[in-house]
Amino acid sequence: MLSNITADPDLRAGTQVDLGLGLNFYAPEGALQGARLAAEFNLPVYRNLSGPQLETDFSATVGIQAVF
């Protein structure tokens, strides 16, 4: 028996479906030529978790790419 119930791998099951919206901005010319800015925002729309787990309210990702 584990002393920390959240460390039990048998209690980490479940299903979650997220709805995401993402945007990409690309600079094909100019001072920022070849640069790309990407952003994505996700919201859970369905969740069926088993056991004591931390839930996700939302997630956001932002990235920058540059060509040298």
Protein backbone atom coordinates (compact mmCIF):
# COMPACT_ATOMS: atom_id res chain seq x y z
CA MET A 1 0.00 0.00 0.00
CA LEU A 2 1.36 3.40 -0.97
CA SER A 3 1.43 6.08 1.70
CA ASN A 4 0.62 8.75 -0.91
CA ILE A 5 -2.62 7.87 -2.70
CA THR A 6 -1.85 10.27 -5.59
CA ALA A 7 1.31 8.24 -6.37
CA ASP A 8 -0.71 5.07 -7.15
CA PRO A 9 -0.52 4.53 -10.94
CA ASP A 10 -3.77 2.51 -10.86
CA LEU A 11 -5.66 5.69 -9.87
CA ARG A 12 -4.45 7.78 -12.81
CA ALA A 13 -6.90 6.65 -15.45
CA GLY A 14 -9.56 8.56 -17.28
CA THR A 15 -10.52 10.41 -20.43
CA GLN A 16 -10.38 14.09 -21.29
CA VAL A 17 -11.34 15.82 -24.53
CA ASP A 18 -10.07 19.35 -25.18
CA LEU A 19 -11.27 21.99 -27.61
CA GLY A 20 -8.41 24.08 -28.96
CA LEU A 21 -7.99 27.26 -30.93
CA GLY A 22 -4.66 28.14 -32.48
CA LEU A 23 -3.20 30.97 -34.52
CA ASN A 24 -0.01 31.21 -36.58
CA PHE A 25 1.56 34.41 -37.77
CA TYR A 26 4.32 34.23 -40.38
CA ALA A 27 6.49 37.08 -41.72
CA PRO A 28 7.46 36.18 -45.31
CA GLU A 29 9.41 39.41 -45.83
CA GLY A 30 10.74 42.48 -44.03
CA ALA A 31 12.86 42.80 -40.91
CA LEU A 32 11.28 39.67 -39.37
CA GLN A 33 11.50 37.55 -42.55
CA GLY A 34 11.14 33.85 -41.77
CA ALA A 35 9.89 34.42 -38.21
CA ARG A 36 6.78 32.61 -36.99
CA LEU A 37 4.69 33.23 -33.88
CA ALA A 38 2.23 30.53 -32.83
CA ALA A 39 -0.32 30.53 -29.99
CA GLU A 40 -2.81 27.88 -28.90
CA PHE A 41 -5.48 27.87 -26.19
CA ASN A 42 -7.26 24.69 -25.02
CA LEU A 43 -10.34 24.18 -22.84
CA PRO A 44 -11.52 20.79 -21.57
CA VAL A 45 -15.04 20.05 -22.85
CA TYR A 46 -15.36 16.51 -21.46
CA ARG A 47 -13.66 14.93 -18.46
CA ASN A 48 -14.13 11.52 -16.84
CA LEU A 49 -11.24 10.92 -14.43
CA SER A 50 -10.70 7.96 -12.11
CA GLY A 51 -9.18 8.53 -8.71
CA PRO A 52 -7.77 11.65 -7.07
CA GLN A 53 -6.18 13.74 -9.83
CA LEU A 54 -5.46 17.38 -10.44
CA GLU A 55 -7.82 18.73 -13.06
CA THR A 56 -6.93 21.08 -15.89
CA ASP A 57 -8.92 24.31 -16.19
CA PHE A 58 -7.19 25.37 -19.43
CA SER A 59 -3.84 25.25 -21.17
CA ALA A 60 -2.02 27.78 -23.32
CA THR A 61 1.05 27.42 -25.52
CA VAL A 62 3.04 30.17 -27.21
CA GLY A 63 6.04 29.62 -29.46
CA ILE A 64 8.43 31.63 -31.59
CA GLN A 65 10.49 30.23 -34.47
CA ALA A 66 13.16 32.05 -36.39
CA VAL A 67 15.16 31.13 -39.48
CA PHE A 68 18.85 32.02 -39.53
